[in-house]
Amino acid sequence: MDEKHAVTSLAALAHPQRLRIFRLLVQRGPSGLAAFEIADAIEASPTAASFHLKELDRAGLIHATREGRFVRYAIHVDGMRKLLTYLTEDCCRGQPELCGSSVAKTRSLCKPKGGSR
């Protein structure tokens, strides 16, 4: 991930309803939720929820799948992983274990299977 993409991702999260949506979808995992369920959960109108979902999708943090009449949104795990890695990759001069257990744990969780980033 480059700096421009990181700024886009962080800007997408820098709104209370978008942050709520993102955290909700992180909790739901790969199964995600239909757009109307997300709107209900964050107590937003369908139009407002749609706007926020598109911003998160554009930032690469979530993705949409059409299921008949509905659109289901789920966390884009790779997008989240890349953002977390970008934010913590230089922690404590490349030694995240020195920065505390939460950063070290995040770094270990964000490494893709196979060992490469």
PDB file of N, CA and C in Angstrom:
ATOM      1  N   MET A   1       0.847  -1.174   0.000  1.00  0.00           N
ATOM      2  CA  MET A   1       0.000   0.000   0.000  1.00  0.00           C
ATOM      3  C   MET A   1       0.889   1.232   0.000  1.00  0.00           C
ATOM      4  N   ASP A   2       0.495   2.221  -0.784  1.00  0.00           N
ATOM      5  CA  ASP A   2       1.246   3.472  -0.800  1.00  0.00           C
ATOM      6  C   ASP A   2       0.537   4.516   0.065  1.00  0.00           C
ATOM      7  N   GLU A   3       1.204   5.638   0.251  1.00  0.00           N
ATOM      8  CA  GLU A   3       0.679   6.687   1.117  1.00  0.00           C
ATOM      9  C   GLU A   3      -0.679   7.215   0.628  1.00  0.00           C
ATOM     10  N   LYS A   4      -0.824   7.400  -0.663  1.00  0.00           N
ATOM     11  CA  LYS A   4      -2.077   7.936  -1.209  1.00  0.00           C
ATOM     12  C   LYS A   4      -3.254   7.004  -0.893  1.00  0.00           C
ATOM     13  N   HIS A   5      -3.049   5.707  -1.058  1.00  0.00           N
ATOM     14  CA  HIS A   5      -4.112   4.746  -0.766  1.00  0.00           C
ATOM     15  C   HIS A   5      -4.404   4.707   0.736  1.00  0.00           C
ATOM     16  N   ALA A   6      -3.374   4.810   1.556  1.00  0.00           N
ATOM     17  CA  ALA A   6      -3.575   4.832   3.012  1.00  0.00           C
ATOM     18  C   ALA A   6      -4.409   6.050   3.417  1.00  0.00           C
ATOM     19  N   VAL A   7      -4.121   7.200   2.823  1.00  0.00           N
ATOM     20  CA  VAL A   7      -4.884   8.410   3.136  1.00  0.00           C
ATOM     21  C   VAL A   7      -6.340   8.246   2.703  1.00  0.00           C
ATOM     22  N   THR A   8      -6.569   7.648   1.539  1.00  0.00           N
ATOM     23  CA  THR A   8      -7.939   7.401   1.074  1.00  0.00           C
ATOM     24  C   THR A   8      -8.682   6.490   2.047  1.00  0.00           C
ATOM     25  N   SER A   9      -8.016   5.431   2.490  1.00  0.00           N
ATOM     26  CA  SER A   9      -8.636   4.497   3.437  1.00  0.00           C
ATOM     27  C   SER A   9      -8.936   5.173   4.769  1.00  0.00           C
ATOM     28  N   LEU A  10      -7.988   5.924   5.277  1.00  0.00           N
ATOM     29  CA  LEU A  10      -8.195   6.601   6.555  1.00  0.00           C
ATOM     30  C   LEU A  10      -9.271   7.676   6.445  1.00  0.00           C
ATOM     31  N   ALA A  11      -9.315   8.384   5.323  1.00  0.00           N
ATOM     32  CA  ALA A  11     -10.360   9.392   5.117  1.00  0.00           C
ATOM     33  C   ALA A  11     -11.739   8.737   5.091  1.00  0.00           C
ATOM     34  N   ALA A  12     -11.825   7.563   4.495  1.00  0.00           N
ATOM     35  CA  ALA A  12     -13.106   6.849   4.460  1.00  0.00           C
ATOM     36  C   ALA A  12     -13.558   6.467   5.857  1.00  0.00           C
ATOM     37  N   LEU A  13     -12.637   6.162   6.723  1.00  0.00           N
ATOM     38  CA  LEU A  13     -12.970   5.770   8.098  1.00  0.00           C
ATOM     39  C   LEU A  13     -13.201   6.973   9.010  1.00  0.00           C
ATOM     40  N   ALA A  14     -12.872   8.175   8.538  1.00  0.00           N
ATOM     41  CA  ALA A  14     -12.929   9.369   9.374  1.00  0.00           C
ATOM     42  C   ALA A  14     -14.325   9.998   9.396  1.00  0.00           C
ATOM     43  N   HIS A  15     -15.321   9.165   9.528  1.00  0.00           N
ATOM     44  CA  HIS A  15     -16.698   9.620   9.654  1.00  0.00           C
ATOM     45  C   HIS A  15     -17.397   8.648  10.604  1.00  0.00           C
ATOM     46  N   PRO A  16     -18.161   9.145  11.561  1.00  0.00           N
ATOM     47  CA  PRO A  16     -18.750   8.248  12.562  1.00  0.00           C
ATOM     48  C   PRO A  16     -19.582   7.102  11.978  1.00  0.00           C
ATOM     49  N   GLN A  17     -20.427   7.377  10.998  1.00  0.00           N
ATOM     50  CA  GLN A  17     -21.254   6.293  10.451  1.00  0.00           C
ATOM     51  C   GLN A  17     -20.425   5.301   9.639  1.00  0.00           C
ATOM     52  N   ARG A  18     -19.432   5.791   8.898  1.00  0.00           N
ATOM     53  CA  ARG A  18     -18.587   4.860   8.130  1.00  0.00           C
ATOM     54  C   ARG A  18     -17.753   4.002   9.072  1.00  0.00           C
ATOM     55  N   LEU A  19     -17.270   4.585  10.141  1.00  0.00           N
ATOM     56  CA  LEU A  19     -16.509   3.805  11.118  1.00  0.00           C
ATOM     57  C   LEU A  19     -17.402   2.743  11.753  1.00  0.00           C
ATOM     58  N   ARG A  20     -18.653   3.105  12.064  1.00  0.00           N
ATOM     59  CA  ARG A  20     -19.598   2.120  12.613  1.00  0.00           C
ATOM     60  C   ARG A  20     -19.857   0.994  11.620  1.00  0.00           C
ATOM     61  N   ILE A  21     -20.032   1.350  10.356  1.00  0.00           N
ATOM     62  CA  ILE A  21     -20.254   0.336   9.318  1.00  0.00           C
ATOM     63  C   ILE A  21     -19.055  -0.594   9.239  1.00  0.00           C
ATOM     64  N   PHE A  22     -17.865  -0.030   9.193  1.00  0.00           N
ATOM     65  CA  PHE A  22     -16.648  -0.840   9.074  1.00  0.00           C
ATOM     66  C   PHE A  22     -16.528  -1.799  10.251  1.00  0.00           C
ATOM     67  N   ARG A  23     -16.721  -1.298  11.459  1.00  0.00           N
ATOM     68  CA  ARG A  23     -16.609  -2.152  12.650  1.00  0.00           C
ATOM     69  C   ARG A  23     -17.691  -3.225  12.661  1.00  0.00           C
ATOM     70  N   LEU A  24     -18.886  -2.873  12.229  1.00  0.00           N
ATOM     71  CA  LEU A  24     -19.981  -3.845  12.128  1.00  0.00           C
ATOM     72  C   LEU A  24     -19.606  -4.965  11.162  1.00  0.00           C
ATOM     73  N   LEU A  25     -19.057  -4.597  10.016  1.00  0.00           N
ATOM     74  CA  LEU A  25     -18.697  -5.609   9.024  1.00  0.00           C
ATOM     75  C   LEU A  25     -17.487  -6.432   9.452  1.00  0.00           C
ATOM     76  N   VAL A  26     -16.586  -5.840  10.212  1.00  0.00           N
ATOM     77  CA  VAL A  26     -15.471  -6.613  10.766  1.00  0.00           C
ATOM     78  C   VAL A  26     -16.030  -7.699  11.686  1.00  0.00           C
ATOM     79  N   GLN A  27     -17.016  -7.339  12.511  1.00  0.00           N
ATOM     80  CA  GLN A  27     -17.633  -8.317  13.410  1.00  0.00           C
ATOM     81  C   GLN A  27     -18.334  -9.423  12.640  1.00  0.00           C
ATOM     82  N   ARG A  28     -18.978  -9.087  11.543  1.00  0.00           N
ATOM     83  CA  ARG A  28     -19.741 -10.067  10.758  1.00  0.00           C
ATOM     84  C   ARG A  28     -18.844 -11.000   9.947  1.00  0.00           C
ATOM     85  N   GLY A  29     -17.659 -10.569   9.631  1.00  0.00           N
ATOM     86  CA  GLY A  29     -16.744 -11.419   8.873  1.00  0.00           C
ATOM     87  C   GLY A  29     -17.119 -11.508   7.405  1.00  0.00           C
ATOM     88  N   PRO A  30     -16.690 -12.572   6.742  1.00  0.00           N
ATOM     89  CA  PRO A  30     -16.864 -12.678   5.287  1.00  0.00           C
ATOM     90  C   PRO A  30     -18.314 -12.793   4.827  1.00  0.00           C
ATOM     91  N   SER A  31     -19.229 -13.169   5.716  1.00  0.00           N
ATOM     92  CA  SER A  31     -20.626 -13.286   5.305  1.00  0.00           C
ATOM     93  C   SER A  31     -21.270 -11.923   5.107  1.00  0.00           C
ATOM     94  N   GLY A  32     -20.815 -10.907   5.820  1.00  0.00           N
ATOM     95  CA  GLY A  32     -21.309  -9.553   5.653  1.00  0.00           C
ATOM     96  C   GLY A  32     -22.777  -9.380   5.973  1.00  0.00           C
ATOM     97  N   LEU A  33     -23.338  -8.288   5.459  1.00  0.00           N
ATOM     98  CA  LEU A  33     -24.736  -7.946   5.679  1.00  0.00           C
ATOM     99  C   LEU A  33     -25.302  -7.285   4.428  1.00  0.00           C
ATOM    100  N   ALA A  34     -26.605  -7.406   4.269  1.00  0.00           N
ATOM    101  CA  ALA A  34     -27.283  -6.691   3.192  1.00  0.00           C
ATOM    102  C   ALA A  34     -27.291  -5.203   3.525  1.00  0.00           C
ATOM    103  N   ALA A  35     -27.331  -4.376   2.491  1.00  0.00           N
ATOM    104  CA  ALA A  35     -27.287  -2.925   2.687  1.00  0.00           C
ATOM    105  C   ALA A  35     -28.393  -2.441   3.615  1.00  0.00           C
ATOM    106  N   PHE A  36     -29.598  -2.981   3.465  1.00  0.00           N
ATOM    107  CA  PHE A  36     -30.700  -2.528   4.324  1.00  0.00           C
ATOM    108  C   PHE A  36     -30.460  -2.914   5.785  1.00  0.00           C
ATOM    109  N   GLU A  37     -29.793  -4.038   6.034  1.00  0.00           N
ATOM    110  CA  GLU A  37     -29.476  -4.447   7.407  1.00  0.00           C
ATOM    111  C   GLU A  37     -28.438  -3.497   8.016  1.00  0.00           C
ATOM    112  N   ILE A  38     -27.512  -3.072   7.191  1.00  0.00           N
ATOM    113  CA  ILE A  38     -26.488  -2.126   7.659  1.00  0.00           C
ATOM    114  C   ILE A  38     -27.144  -0.797   8.004  1.00  0.00           C
ATOM    115  N   ALA A  39     -28.021  -0.317   7.125  1.00  0.00           N
ATOM    116  CA  ALA A  39     -28.726   0.946   7.374  1.00  0.00           C
ATOM    117  C   ALA A  39     -29.500   0.873   8.692  1.00  0.00           C
ATOM    118  N   ASP A  40     -30.202  -0.234   8.914  1.00  0.00           N
ATOM    119  CA  ASP A  40     -30.942  -0.418  10.170  1.00  0.00           C
ATOM    120  C   ASP A  40     -30.003  -0.415  11.373  1.00  0.00           C
ATOM    121  N   ALA A  41     -28.889  -1.122  11.255  1.00  0.00           N
ATOM    122  CA  ALA A  41     -27.960  -1.265  12.380  1.00  0.00           C
ATOM    123  C   ALA A  41     -27.324   0.064  12.779  1.00  0.00           C
ATOM    124  N   ILE A  42     -27.054   0.929  11.810  1.00  0.00           N
ATOM    125  CA  ILE A  42     -26.420   2.211  12.139  1.00  0.00           C
ATOM    126  C   ILE A  42     -27.440   3.341  12.245  1.00  0.00           C
ATOM    127  N   GLU A  43     -28.721   2.970  12.123  1.00  0.00           N
ATOM    128  CA  GLU A  43     -29.820   3.932  12.220  1.00  0.00           C
ATOM    129  C   GLU A  43     -29.657   5.081  11.226  1.00  0.00           C
ATOM    130  N   ALA A  44     -29.463   4.706   9.962  1.00  0.00           N
ATOM    131  CA  ALA A  44     -29.315   5.678   8.878  1.00  0.00           C
ATOM    132  C   ALA A  44     -30.357   5.391   7.813  1.00  0.00           C
ATOM    133  N   SER A  45     -30.656   6.390   7.025  1.00  0.00           N
ATOM    134  CA  SER A  45     -31.563   6.182   5.898  1.00  0.00           C
ATOM    135  C   SER A  45     -30.847   5.308   4.867  1.00  0.00           C
ATOM    136  N   PRO A  46     -31.591   4.595   4.040  1.00  0.00           N
ATOM    137  CA  PRO A  46     -30.948   3.784   2.994  1.00  0.00           C
ATOM    138  C   PRO A  46     -30.044   4.615   2.081  1.00  0.00           C
ATOM    139  N   THR A  47     -30.449   5.848   1.787  1.00  0.00           N
ATOM    140  CA  THR A  47     -29.638   6.718   0.931  1.00  0.00           C
ATOM    141  C   THR A  47     -28.315   7.073   1.603  1.00  0.00           C
ATOM    142  N   ALA A  48     -28.368   7.452   2.878  1.00  0.00           N
ATOM    143  CA  ALA A  48     -27.148   7.795   3.609  1.00  0.00           C
ATOM    144  C   ALA A  48     -26.241   6.581   3.734  1.00  0.00           C
ATOM    145  N   ALA A  49     -26.814   5.432   4.069  1.00  0.00           N
ATOM    146  CA  ALA A  49     -26.008   4.210   4.200  1.00  0.00           C
ATOM    147  C   ALA A  49     -25.348   3.872   2.875  1.00  0.00           C
ATOM    148  N   SER A  50     -26.083   3.991   1.778  1.00  0.00           N
ATOM    149  CA  SER A  50     -25.537   3.703   0.452  1.00  0.00           C
ATOM    150  C   SER A  50     -24.345   4.604   0.139  1.00  0.00           C
ATOM    151  N   PHE A  51     -24.462   5.875   0.466  1.00  0.00           N
ATOM    152  CA  PHE A  51     -23.364   6.817   0.251  1.00  0.00           C
ATOM    153  C   PHE A  51     -22.120   6.384   1.027  1.00  0.00           C
ATOM    154  N   HIS A  52     -22.295   6.055   2.297  1.00  0.00           N
ATOM    155  CA  HIS A  52     -21.164   5.667   3.137  1.00  0.00           C
ATOM    156  C   HIS A  52     -20.566   4.329   2.684  1.00  0.00           C
ATOM    157  N   LEU A  53     -21.412   3.394   2.290  1.00  0.00           N
ATOM    158  CA  LEU A  53     -20.923   2.099   1.805  1.00  0.00           C
ATOM    159  C   LEU A  53     -20.079   2.279   0.542  1.00  0.00           C
ATOM    160  N   LYS A  54     -20.505   3.152  -0.334  1.00  0.00           N
ATOM    161  CA  LYS A  54     -19.733   3.388  -1.561  1.00  0.00           C
ATOM    162  C   LYS A  54     -18.373   3.995  -1.257  1.00  0.00           C
ATOM    163  N   GLU A  55     -18.305   4.872  -0.258  1.00  0.00           N
ATOM    164  CA  GLU A  55     -17.017   5.456   0.126  1.00  0.00           C
ATOM    165  C   GLU A  55     -16.067   4.396   0.680  1.00  0.00           C
ATOM    166  N   LEU A  56     -16.579   3.516   1.509  1.00  0.00           N
ATOM    167  CA  LEU A  56     -15.746   2.436   2.056  1.00  0.00           C
ATOM    168  C   LEU A  56     -15.326   1.458   0.967  1.00  0.00           C
ATOM    169  N   ASP A  57     -16.221   1.192   0.032  1.00  0.00           N
ATOM    170  CA  ASP A  57     -15.903   0.304  -1.089  1.00  0.00           C
ATOM    171  C   ASP A  57     -14.824   0.937  -1.968  1.00  0.00           C
ATOM    172  N   ARG A  58     -14.976   2.217  -2.272  1.00  0.00           N
ATOM    173  CA  ARG A  58     -13.996   2.937  -3.096  1.00  0.00           C
ATOM    174  C   ARG A  58     -12.613   2.926  -2.450  1.00  0.00           C
ATOM    175  N   ALA A  59     -12.582   2.954  -1.127  1.00  0.00           N
ATOM    176  CA  ALA A  59     -11.312   2.938  -0.391  1.00  0.00           C
ATOM    177  C   ALA A  59     -10.710   1.534  -0.306  1.00  0.00           C
ATOM    178  N   GLY A  60     -11.443   0.523  -0.762  1.00  0.00           N
ATOM    179  CA  GLY A  60     -10.930  -0.847  -0.740  1.00  0.00           C
ATOM    180  C   GLY A  60     -11.053  -1.538   0.604  1.00  0.00           C
ATOM    181  N   LEU A  61     -11.900  -1.012   1.496  1.00  0.00           N
ATOM    182  CA  LEU A  61     -12.042  -1.605   2.823  1.00  0.00           C
ATOM    183  C   LEU A  61     -13.192  -2.598   2.915  1.00  0.00           C
ATOM    184  N   ILE A  62     -14.165  -2.479   2.012  1.00  0.00           N
ATOM    185  CA  ILE A  62     -15.270  -3.427   1.944  1.00  0.00           C
ATOM    186  C   ILE A  62     -15.524  -3.744   0.471  1.00  0.00           C
ATOM    187  N   HIS A  63     -16.338  -4.765   0.226  1.00  0.00           N
ATOM    188  CA  HIS A  63     -16.711  -5.075  -1.152  1.00  0.00           C
ATOM    189  C   HIS A  63     -18.178  -5.489  -1.192  1.00  0.00           C
ATOM    190  N   ALA A  64     -18.775  -5.292  -2.357  1.00  0.00           N
ATOM    191  CA  ALA A  64     -20.199  -5.553  -2.543  1.00  0.00           C
ATOM    192  C   ALA A  64     -20.401  -6.764  -3.435  1.00  0.00           C
ATOM    193  N   THR A  65     -21.455  -7.514  -3.134  1.00  0.00           N
ATOM    194  CA  THR A  65     -21.871  -8.651  -3.945  1.00  0.00           C
ATOM    195  C   THR A  65     -23.375  -8.566  -4.116  1.00  0.00           C
ATOM    196  N   ARG A  66     -23.830  -8.640  -5.352  1.00  0.00           N
ATOM    197  CA  ARG A  66     -25.263  -8.593  -5.612  1.00  0.00           C
ATOM    198  C   ARG A  66     -25.849  -9.978  -5.389  1.00  0.00           C
ATOM    199  N   GLU A  67     -26.947 -10.016  -4.624  1.00  0.00           N
ATOM    200  CA  GLU A  67     -27.683 -11.257  -4.364  1.00  0.00           C
ATOM    201  C   GLU A  67     -29.148 -11.001  -4.699  1.00  0.00           C
ATOM    202  N   GLY A  68     -29.512 -11.239  -5.943  1.00  0.00           N
ATOM    203  CA  GLY A  68     -30.881 -10.952  -6.372  1.00  0.00           C
ATOM    204  C   GLY A  68     -31.156  -9.470  -6.317  1.00  0.00           C
ATOM    205  N   ARG A  69     -32.166  -9.086  -5.541  1.00  0.00           N
ATOM    206  CA  ARG A  69     -32.524  -7.669  -5.402  1.00  0.00           C
ATOM    207  C   ARG A  69     -31.647  -6.931  -4.407  1.00  0.00           C
ATOM    208  N   PHE A  70     -30.870  -7.648  -3.627  1.00  0.00           N
ATOM    209  CA  PHE A  70     -30.104  -7.043  -2.547  1.00  0.00           C
ATOM    210  C   PHE A  70     -28.624  -6.962  -2.884  1.00  0.00           C
ATOM    211  N   VAL A  71     -27.951  -6.018  -2.238  1.00  0.00           N
ATOM    212  CA  VAL A  71     -26.497  -5.917  -2.307  1.00  0.00           C
ATOM    213  C   VAL A  71     -25.970  -6.228  -0.918  1.00  0.00           C
ATOM    214  N   ARG A  72     -25.071  -7.191  -0.851  1.00  0.00           N
ATOM    215  CA  ARG A  72     -24.471  -7.598   0.424  1.00  0.00           C
ATOM    216  C   ARG A  72     -23.056  -7.029   0.470  1.00  0.00           C
ATOM    217  N   TYR A  73     -22.728  -6.439   1.592  1.00  0.00           N
ATOM    218  CA  TYR A  73     -21.401  -5.864   1.797  1.00  0.00           C
ATOM    219  C   TYR A  73     -20.659  -6.671   2.858  1.00  0.00           C
ATOM    220  N   ALA A  74     -19.376  -6.847   2.628  1.00  0.00           N
ATOM    221  CA  ALA A  74     -18.535  -7.564   3.588  1.00  0.00           C
ATOM    222  C   ALA A  74     -17.173  -6.879   3.656  1.00  0.00           C
ATOM    223  N   ILE A  75     -16.480  -7.143   4.726  1.00  0.00           N
ATOM    224  CA  ILE A  75     -15.142  -6.595   4.913  1.00  0.00           C
ATOM    225  C   ILE A  75     -14.216  -7.124   3.818  1.00  0.00           C
ATOM    226  N   HIS A  76     -13.377  -6.264   3.306  1.00  0.00           N
ATOM    227  CA  HIS A  76     -12.344  -6.684   2.350  1.00  0.00           C
ATOM    228  C   HIS A  76     -11.091  -6.934   3.180  1.00  0.00           C
ATOM    229  N   VAL A  77     -10.897  -8.174   3.548  1.00  0.00           N
ATOM    230  CA  VAL A  77      -9.841  -8.537   4.504  1.00  0.00           C
ATOM    231  C   VAL A  77      -8.473  -8.080   4.020  1.00  0.00           C
ATOM    232  N   ASP A  78      -8.189  -8.261   2.751  1.00  0.00           N
ATOM    233  CA  ASP A  78      -6.877  -7.872   2.237  1.00  0.00           C
ATOM    234  C   ASP A  78      -6.681  -6.357   2.329  1.00  0.00           C
ATOM    235  N   GLY A  79      -7.727  -5.587   2.055  1.00  0.00           N
ATOM    236  CA  GLY A  79      -7.628  -4.133   2.178  1.00  0.00           C
ATOM    237  C   GLY A  79      -7.357  -3.701   3.606  1.00  0.00           C
ATOM    238  N   MET A  80      -8.063  -4.318   4.550  1.00  0.00           N
ATOM    239  CA  MET A  80      -7.847  -4.019   5.964  1.00  0.00           C
ATOM    240  C   MET A  80      -6.430  -4.433   6.376  1.00  0.00           C
ATOM    241  N   ARG A  81      -6.011  -5.591   5.939  1.00  0.00           N
ATOM    242  CA  ARG A  81      -4.677  -6.107   6.275  1.00  0.00           C
ATOM    243  C   ARG A  81      -3.591  -5.158   5.751  1.00  0.00           C
ATOM    244  N   LYS A  82      -3.753  -4.694   4.523  1.00  0.00           N
ATOM    245  CA  LYS A  82      -2.750  -3.791   3.946  1.00  0.00           C
ATOM    246  C   LYS A  82      -2.682  -2.473   4.703  1.00  0.00           C
ATOM    247  N   LEU A  83      -3.836  -1.934   5.101  1.00  0.00           N
ATOM    248  CA  LEU A  83      -3.842  -0.679   5.855  1.00  0.00           C
ATOM    249  C   LEU A  83      -3.159  -0.869   7.207  1.00  0.00           C
ATOM    250  N   LEU A  84      -3.505  -1.916   7.929  1.00  0.00           N
ATOM    251  CA  LEU A  84      -2.892  -2.156   9.238  1.00  0.00           C
ATOM    252  C   LEU A  84      -1.385  -2.384   9.115  1.00  0.00           C
ATOM    253  N   THR A  85      -0.985  -3.103   8.103  1.00  0.00           N
ATOM    254  CA  THR A  85       0.445  -3.332   7.887  1.00  0.00           C
ATOM    255  C   THR A  85       1.157  -2.028   7.582  1.00  0.00           C
ATOM    256  N   TYR A  86       0.560  -1.218   6.709  1.00  0.00           N
ATOM    257  CA  TYR A  86       1.165   0.074   6.361  1.00  0.00           C
ATOM    258  C   TYR A  86       1.335   0.944   7.610  1.00  0.00           C
ATOM    259  N   LEU A  87       0.332   0.964   8.467  1.00  0.00           N
ATOM    260  CA  LEU A  87       0.379   1.809   9.653  1.00  0.00           C
ATOM    261  C   LEU A  87       1.387   1.338  10.691  1.00  0.00           C
ATOM    262  N   THR A  88       1.694   0.048  10.699  1.00  0.00           N
ATOM    263  CA  THR A  88       2.565  -0.483  11.756  1.00  0.00           C
ATOM    264  C   THR A  88       3.902  -1.020  11.255  1.00  0.00           C
ATOM    265  N   GLU A  89       4.148  -0.967   9.959  1.00  0.00           N
ATOM    266  CA  GLU A  89       5.347  -1.624   9.432  1.00  0.00           C
ATOM    267  C   GLU A  89       6.658  -1.049   9.947  1.00  0.00           C
ATOM    268  N   ASP A  90       6.695   0.205  10.294  1.00  0.00           N
ATOM    269  CA  ASP A  90       7.943   0.803  10.778  1.00  0.00           C
ATOM    270  C   ASP A  90       7.950   1.014  12.279  1.00  0.00           C
ATOM    271  N   CYS A  91       7.020   0.395  12.978  1.00  0.00           N
ATOM    272  CA  CYS A  91       6.915   0.564  14.416  1.00  0.00           C
ATOM    273  C   CYS A  91       8.223   0.161  15.098  1.00  0.00           C
ATOM    274  N   CYS A  92       8.693   1.041  15.948  1.00  0.00           N
ATOM    275  CA  CYS A  92       9.899   0.762  16.752  1.00  0.00           C
ATOM    276  C   CYS A  92      11.062   0.293  15.883  1.00  0.00           C
ATOM    277  N   ARG A  93      11.258   1.008  14.785  1.00  0.00           N
ATOM    278  CA  ARG A  93      12.377   0.726  13.865  1.00  0.00           C
ATOM    279  C   ARG A  93      12.363  -0.704  13.343  1.00  0.00           C
ATOM    280  N   GLY A  94      11.157  -1.156  13.001  1.00  0.00           N
ATOM    281  CA  GLY A  94      11.030  -2.490  12.423  1.00  0.00           C
ATOM    282  C   GLY A  94      10.964  -3.615  13.440  1.00  0.00           C
ATOM    283  N   GLN A  95      10.836  -3.292  14.700  1.00  0.00           N
ATOM    284  CA  GLN A  95      10.745  -4.301  15.753  1.00  0.00           C
ATOM    285  C   GLN A  95       9.437  -4.089  16.518  1.00  0.00           C
ATOM    286  N   PRO A  96       8.296  -4.504  15.931  1.00  0.00           N
ATOM    287  CA  PRO A  96       7.001  -4.225  16.556  1.00  0.00           C
ATOM    288  C   PRO A  96       6.838  -4.826  17.949  1.00  0.00           C
ATOM    289  N   GLU A  97       7.597  -5.863  18.257  1.00  0.00           N
ATOM    290  CA  GLU A  97       7.493  -6.458  19.587  1.00  0.00           C
ATOM    291  C   GLU A  97       7.925  -5.479  20.678  1.00  0.00           C
ATOM    292  N   LEU A  98       8.730  -4.475  20.335  1.00  0.00           N
ATOM    293  CA  LEU A  98       9.146  -3.459  21.299  1.00  0.00           C
ATOM    294  C   LEU A  98       8.044  -2.435  21.575  1.00  0.00           C
ATOM    295  N   CYS A  99       7.086  -2.326  20.672  1.00  0.00           N
ATOM    296  CA  CYS A  99       6.025  -1.312  20.785  1.00  0.00           C
ATOM    297  C   CYS A  99       4.874  -1.768  21.653  1.00  0.00           C
ATOM    298  N   GLY A 100       4.860  -2.997  22.044  1.00  0.00           N
ATOM    299  CA  GLY A 100       3.773  -3.498  22.874  1.00  0.00           C
ATOM    300  C   GLY A 100       3.064  -4.656  22.207  1.00  0.00           C
ATOM    301  N   SER A 101       2.335  -5.376  23.005  1.00  0.00           N
ATOM    302  CA  SER A 101       1.727  -6.612  22.519  1.00  0.00           C
ATOM    303  C   SER A 101       0.666  -6.365  21.452  1.00  0.00           C
ATOM    304  N   SER A 102      -0.077  -5.259  21.525  1.00  0.00           N
ATOM    305  CA  SER A 102      -1.140  -5.049  20.534  1.00  0.00           C
ATOM    306  C   SER A 102      -0.566  -4.816  19.148  1.00  0.00           C
ATOM    307  N   VAL A 103       0.530  -4.074  19.025  1.00  0.00           N
ATOM    308  CA  VAL A 103       1.139  -3.844  17.714  1.00  0.00           C
ATOM    309  C   VAL A 103       1.767  -5.129  17.200  1.00  0.00           C
ATOM    310  N   ALA A 104       2.473  -5.843  18.047  1.00  0.00           N
ATOM    311  CA  ALA A 104       3.081  -7.103  17.623  1.00  0.00           C
ATOM    312  C   ALA A 104       2.016  -8.094  17.172  1.00  0.00           C
ATOM    313  N   LYS A 105       0.907  -8.155  17.899  1.00  0.00           N
ATOM    314  CA  LYS A 105      -0.184  -9.058  17.540  1.00  0.00           C
ATOM    315  C   LYS A 105      -0.799  -8.646  16.206  1.00  0.00           C
ATOM    316  N   THR A 106      -1.020  -7.341  16.015  1.00  0.00           N
ATOM    317  CA  THR A 106      -1.569  -6.849  14.748  1.00  0.00           C
ATOM    318  C   THR A 106      -0.659  -7.225  13.602  1.00  0.00           C
ATOM    319  N   ARG A 107       0.617  -7.033  13.767  1.00  0.00           N
ATOM    320  CA  ARG A 107       1.574  -7.352  12.700  1.00  0.00           C
ATOM    321  C   ARG A 107       1.537  -8.840  12.371  1.00  0.00           C
ATOM    322  N   SER A 108       1.465  -9.695  13.387  1.00  0.00           N
ATOM    323  CA  SER A 108       1.454 -11.134  13.105  1.00  0.00           C
ATOM    324  C   SER A 108       0.147 -11.545  12.437  1.00  0.00           C
ATOM    325  N   LEU A 109      -0.967 -10.914  12.800  1.00  0.00           N
ATOM    326  CA  LEU A 109      -2.246 -11.229  12.183  1.00  0.00           C
ATOM    327  C   LEU A 109      -2.326 -10.737  10.750  1.00  0.00           C
ATOM    328  N   CYS A 110      -1.594  -9.680  10.442  1.00  0.00           N
ATOM    329  CA  CYS A 110      -1.681  -9.061   9.124  1.00  0.00           C
ATOM    330  C   CYS A 110      -0.759  -9.706   8.097  1.00  0.00           C
ATOM    331  N   LYS A 111       0.125 -10.575   8.528  1.00  0.00           N
ATOM    332  CA  LYS A 111       0.992 -11.235   7.557  1.00  0.00           C
ATOM    333  C   LYS A 111       0.174 -12.244   6.768  1.00  0.00           C
ATOM    334  N   PRO A 112       0.176 -12.115   5.424  1.00  0.00           N
ATOM    335  CA  PRO A 112      -0.555 -13.108   4.627  1.00  0.00           C
ATOM    336  C   PRO A 112       0.075 -14.484   4.770  1.00  0.00           C
ATOM    337  N   LYS A 113      -0.732 -15.471   4.565  1.00  0.00           N
ATOM    338  CA  LYS A 113      -0.213 -16.852   4.608  1.00  0.00           C
ATOM    339  C   LYS A 113       0.853 -17.009   3.538  1.00  0.00           C
ATOM    340  N   GLY A 114       1.921 -17.689   3.866  1.00  0.00           N
ATOM    341  CA  GLY A 114       3.026 -17.884   2.939  1.00  0.00           C
ATOM    342  C   GLY A 114       4.211 -16.997   3.272  1.00  0.00           C
ATOM    343  N   GLY A 115       4.019 -16.056   4.239  1.00  0.00           N
ATOM    344  CA  GLY A 115       5.134 -15.282   4.739  1.00  0.00           C
ATOM    345  C   GLY A 115       5.442 -13.997   4.007  1.00  0.00           C
ATOM    346  N   SER A 116       4.905 -13.750   2.805  1.00  0.00           N
ATOM    347  CA  SER A 116       5.215 -12.506   2.108  1.00  0.00           C
ATOM    348  C   SER A 116       4.109 -11.500   2.311  1.00  0.00           C
ATOM    349  N   ARG A 117       4.457 -10.208   2.147  1.00  0.00           N
ATOM    350  CA  ARG A 117       3.457  -9.149   2.311  1.00  0.00           C
ATOM    351  C   ARG A 117       2.828  -8.824   1.015  1.00  0.00           C
TER     352      ARG A 117
END
